[in-house]
C-alpha atoms as a PDB file:
ATOM      1  CA  MET A   1     148.661 173.184 -79.823  1.00  0.00           C
ATOM      2  CA  ALA A   2     148.390 172.558 -83.538  1.00  0.00           C
ATOM      3  CA  GLY A   3     146.284 174.801 -85.713  1.00  0.00           C
ATOM      4  CA  GLY A   4     144.517 174.324 -89.016  1.00  0.00           C
ATOM      5  CA  TRP A   5     144.866 170.844 -90.492  1.00  0.00           C
ATOM      6  CA  ALA A   6     147.903 169.838 -88.420  1.00  0.00           C
ATOM      7  CA  ARG A   7     147.431 167.300 -85.660  1.00  0.00           C
ATOM      8  CA  ASP A   8     148.437 167.992 -82.056  1.00  0.00           C
ATOM      9  CA  GLY A   9     152.173 167.673 -81.504  1.00  0.00           C
ATOM     10  CA  ALA A  10     153.054 168.205 -85.175  1.00  0.00           C
ATOM     11  CA  GLU A  11     155.195 171.259 -84.356  1.00  0.00           C
ATOM     12  CA  HIS A  12     157.302 169.290 -81.887  1.00  0.00           C
ATOM     13  CA  GLU A  13     157.735 166.420 -84.319  1.00  0.00           C
ATOM     14  CA  GLN A  14     158.898 168.876 -86.968  1.00  0.00           C
ATOM     15  CA  MET A  15     161.379 170.534 -84.586  1.00  0.00           C
ATOM     16  CA  ASP A  16     162.680 167.137 -83.449  1.00  0.00           C
ATOM     17  CA  ALA A  17     163.119 166.020 -87.048  1.00  0.00           C
ATOM     18  CA  THR A  18     165.038 169.195 -87.896  1.00  0.00           C
ATOM     19  CA  VAL A  19     167.362 168.746 -84.914  1.00  0.00           C
ATOM     20  CA  ASN A  20     167.869 165.046 -85.696  1.00  0.00           C
ATOM     21  CA  ASP A  21     168.692 165.868 -89.327  1.00  0.00           C
ATOM     22  CA  ALA A  22     171.274 168.435 -88.212  1.00  0.00           C
ATOM     23  CA  LEU A  23     172.853 165.966 -85.772  1.00  0.00           C
ATOM     24  CA  ALA A  24     173.026 163.237 -88.407  1.00  0.00           C
ATOM     25  CA  ARG A  25     174.649 165.651 -90.871  1.00  0.00           C
ATOM     26  CA  ALA A  26     177.196 166.791 -88.270  1.00  0.00           C
ATOM     27  CA  ARG A  27     178.073 163.180 -87.417  1.00  0.00           C
ATOM     28  CA  ARG A  28     178.536 162.334 -91.111  1.00  0.00           C
ATOM     29  CA  LEU A  29     180.948 165.246 -91.472  1.00  0.00           C
ATOM     30  CA  LEU A  30     183.162 164.187 -88.560  1.00  0.00           C
ATOM     31  CA  PRO A  31     186.521 162.912 -89.761  1.00  0.00           C
ATOM     32  CA  GLN A  32     187.149 159.181 -89.426  1.00  0.00           C
ATOM     33  CA  GLY A  33     190.114 156.882 -89.846  1.00  0.00           C
ATOM     34  CA  GLU A  34     193.767 157.804 -89.566  1.00  0.00           C
ATOM     35  CA  SER A  35     194.769 161.446 -89.186  1.00  0.00           C
ATOM     36  CA  ALA A  36     197.001 163.079 -91.747  1.00  0.00           C
ATOM     37  CA  GLU A  37     200.351 164.365 -90.585  1.00  0.00           C
ATOM     38  CA  TYR A  38     200.215 167.269 -93.063  1.00  0.00           C
ATOM     39  CA  CYS A  39     197.257 169.445 -94.067  1.00  0.00           C
ATOM     40  CA  ASP A  40     195.655 168.424 -97.373  1.00  0.00           C
ATOM     41  CA  GLU A  41     195.122 172.088 -98.315  1.00  0.00           C
ATOM     42  CA  CYS A  42     198.278 173.985 -97.372  1.00  0.00           C
ATOM     43  CA  GLY A  43     200.771 171.236 -96.530  1.00  0.00           C
ATOM     44  CA  GLU A  44     201.538 172.551 -93.047  1.00  0.00           C
ATOM     45  CA  ILE A  45     202.098 170.001 -90.285  1.00  0.00           C
ATOM     46  CA  ILE A  46     199.011 169.198 -88.217  1.00  0.00           C
ATOM     47  CA  PRO A  47     199.891 169.390 -84.497  1.00  0.00           C
ATOM     48  CA  GLU A  48     199.899 166.047 -82.696  1.00  0.00           C
ATOM     49  CA  ALA A  49     197.396 167.306 -80.108  1.00  0.00           C
ATOM     50  CA  ARG A  50     194.892 168.024 -82.922  1.00  0.00           C
ATOM     51  CA  ARG A  51     195.471 164.613 -84.504  1.00  0.00           C
ATOM     52  CA  ILE A  52     194.839 162.913 -81.158  1.00  0.00           C
ATOM     53  CA  ALA A  53     191.772 165.032 -80.336  1.00  0.00           C
ATOM     54  CA  LEU A  54     190.179 164.510 -83.781  1.00  0.00           C
ATOM     55  CA  PRO A  55     190.958 161.067 -85.206  1.00  0.00           C
ATOM     56  CA  GLY A  56     190.857 161.236 -88.995  1.00  0.00           C
ATOM     57  CA  VAL A  57     191.575 164.969 -89.225  1.00  0.00           C
ATOM     58  CA  GLN A  58     192.918 166.012 -92.638  1.00  0.00           C
ATOM     59  CA  HIS A  59     193.290 169.804 -92.312  1.00  0.00           C
ATOM     60  CA  CYS A  60     195.015 172.310 -90.034  1.00  0.00           C
ATOM     61  CA  VAL A  61     192.815 174.607 -87.951  1.00  0.00           C
ATOM     62  CA  ARG A  62     193.151 177.566 -90.365  1.00  0.00           C
ATOM     63  CA  CYS A  63     192.213 175.558 -93.460  1.00  0.00           C
ATOM     64  CA  GLN A  64     189.411 173.715 -91.634  1.00  0.00           C
ATOM     65  CA  SER A  65     187.933 177.048 -90.533  1.00  0.00           C
ATOM     66  CA  GLU A  66     188.027 178.346 -94.116  1.00  0.00           C
ATOM     67  CA  LEU A  67     186.427 175.160 -95.463  1.00  0.00           C
ATOM     68  CA  GLU A  68     183.653 175.307 -92.860  1.00  0.00           C
ATOM     69  CA  ALA A  69     182.961 178.976 -93.619  1.00  0.00           C
ATOM     70  CA  THR A  70     182.660 178.158 -97.319  1.00  0.00           C
ATOM     71  CA  ALA A  71     180.411 175.158 -96.634  1.00  0.00           C
ATOM     72  CA  LYS A  72     178.196 177.183 -94.298  1.00  0.00           C
ATOM     73  CA  SER A  73     177.554 179.813 -96.964  1.00  0.00           C
ATOM     74  CA  ALA A  74     176.480 177.049 -99.388  1.00  0.00           C
ATOM     75  CA  GLU A  75     174.234 175.266 -96.860  1.00  0.00           C
ATOM     76  CA  LEU A  76     170.946 174.051 -98.269  1.00  0.00           C
ATOM     77  CA  PHE A  77     167.569 175.427 -97.213  1.00  0.00           C
ATOM     78  CA  ASN A  78     165.539 173.162 -94.931  1.00  0.00           C
ATOM     79  CA  ARG A  79     162.274 172.696 -96.833  1.00  0.00           C
ATOM     80  CA  ARG A  80     160.800 170.630 -94.000  1.00  0.00           C
ATOM     81  CA  GLY A  81     160.643 173.734 -91.808  1.00  0.00           C
ATOM     82  CA  SER A  82     159.340 176.020 -94.548  1.00  0.00           C
ATOM     83  CA  LYS A  83     155.748 177.218 -94.416  1.00  0.00           C
ATOM     84  CA  ASP A  84     155.655 177.092 -98.232  1.00  0.00           C
ATOM     85  CA  SER A  85     156.322 173.359 -98.193  1.00  0.00           C
ATOM     86  CA  GLN A  86     153.369 172.868 -95.851  1.00  0.00           C
ATOM     87  CA  LEU A  87     151.023 174.729 -98.167  1.00  0.00           C
ATOM     88  CA  ARG A  88     151.794 172.637-101.261  1.00  0.00           C
END
Protein backbone atom coordinates (compact mmCIF):
# COMPACT_ATOMS: atom_id res chain seq x y z
CA MET A 1 0.00 0.00 0.00
CA ALA A 2 1.44 3.33 -1.05
CA GLY A 3 1.34 6.29 1.28
CA GLY A 4 1.37 10.03 0.75
CA TRP A 5 1.49 11.10 -2.89
CA ALA A 6 2.74 7.76 -4.24
CA ARG A 7 0.33 5.61 -6.21
CA ASP A 8 -0.42 2.00 -5.27
CA GLY A 9 2.33 -0.38 -6.32
CA ALA A 10 5.01 2.33 -6.50
CA GLU A 11 7.17 0.55 -3.91
CA HIS A 12 7.20 -2.66 -5.93
CA GLU A 13 8.02 -0.81 -9.13
CA GLN A 14 10.92 0.89 -7.37
CA MET A 15 12.24 -2.42 -5.99
CA ASP A 16 11.89 -4.08 -9.40
CA ALA A 17 13.73 -1.22 -11.06
CA THR A 18 16.56 -1.45 -8.53
CA VAL A 19 16.91 -5.20 -9.07
CA ASN A 20 16.77 -4.81 -12.86
CA ASP A 21 19.45 -2.10 -12.74
CA ALA A 22 21.71 -4.36 -10.67
CA LEU A 23 21.19 -7.28 -13.07
CA ALA A 24 21.93 -5.12 -16.10
CA ARG A 25 25.11 -3.82 -14.46
CA ALA A 26 26.24 -7.35 -13.56
CA ARG A 27 25.62 -8.55 -17.12
CA ARG A 28 27.61 -5.62 -18.55
CA LEU A 29 30.54 -6.52 -16.31
CA LEU A 30 30.68 -10.16 -17.42
CA PRO A 31 33.73 -10.85 -19.55
CA GLN A 32 33.13 -11.48 -23.24
CA GLY A 33 35.21 -12.65 -26.17
CA GLU A 34 38.35 -14.75 -26.04
CA SER A 35 39.93 -15.57 -22.69
CA ALA A 36 43.47 -14.49 -21.94
CA GLU A 37 46.01 -17.20 -21.28
CA TYR A 38 47.87 -14.98 -18.78
CA CYS A 39 46.46 -12.59 -16.17
CA ASP A 40 46.49 -8.94 -17.25
CA GLU A 41 47.46 -7.83 -13.73
CA CYS A 42 50.10 -10.24 -12.45
CA GLY A 43 51.06 -12.26 -15.54
CA GLU A 44 50.32 -15.64 -13.96
CA ILE A 45 48.77 -18.31 -16.17
CA ILE A 46 44.98 -18.52 -15.99
CA PRO A 47 43.93 -22.17 -15.49
CA GLU A 48 42.19 -23.74 -18.47
CA ALA A 49 39.16 -24.68 -16.36
CA ARG A 50 38.64 -20.97 -15.50
CA ARG A 51 39.02 -19.93 -19.14
CA ILE A 52 36.41 -22.50 -20.19
CA ALA A 53 34.01 -21.62 -17.36
CA LEU A 54 34.24 -17.85 -17.99
CA PRO A 55 34.70 -17.04 -21.68
CA GLY A 56 36.53 -13.73 -22.01
CA VAL A 57 38.20 -13.88 -18.59
CA GLN A 58 41.26 -11.63 -18.34
CA HIS A 59 42.39 -12.07 -14.71
CA CYS A 60 43.35 -14.90 -12.36
CA VAL A 61 41.08 -15.55 -9.37
CA ARG A 62 43.31 -13.63 -6.92
CA CYS A 63 43.54 -10.50 -9.08
CA GLN A 64 39.84 -10.65 -9.99
CA SER A 65 38.92 -10.82 -6.30
CA GLU A 66 41.10 -7.78 -5.56
CA LEU A 67 39.61 -5.83 -8.47
CA GLU A 68 36.06 -6.65 -7.37
CA ALA A 69 36.80 -5.62 -3.77
CA THR A 70 38.16 -2.29 -5.00
CA ALA A 71 35.18 -1.75 -7.32
CA LYS A 72 32.71 -2.61 -4.56
CA SER A 73 34.17 0.02 -2.24
CA ALA A 74 33.76 2.64 -5.01
CA GLU A 75 30.19 1.60 -5.90
CA LEU A 76 27.83 4.48 -6.54
CA PHE A 77 24.86 5.31 -4.33
CA ASN A 78 21.46 4.37 -5.77
CA ARG A 79 19.57 7.67 -5.77
CA ARG A 80 16.41 5.97 -7.05
CA GLY A 81 16.00 4.19 -3.72
CA SER A 82 16.86 7.22 -1.60
CA LYS A 83 14.11 8.95 0.36
CA ASP A 84 15.88 12.28 -0.26
CA SER A 85 15.46 11.88 -4.01
CA GLN A 86 11.72 11.37 -3.52
CA LEU A 87 11.39 14.57 -1.53
CA ARG A 88 13.01 16.83 -4.14
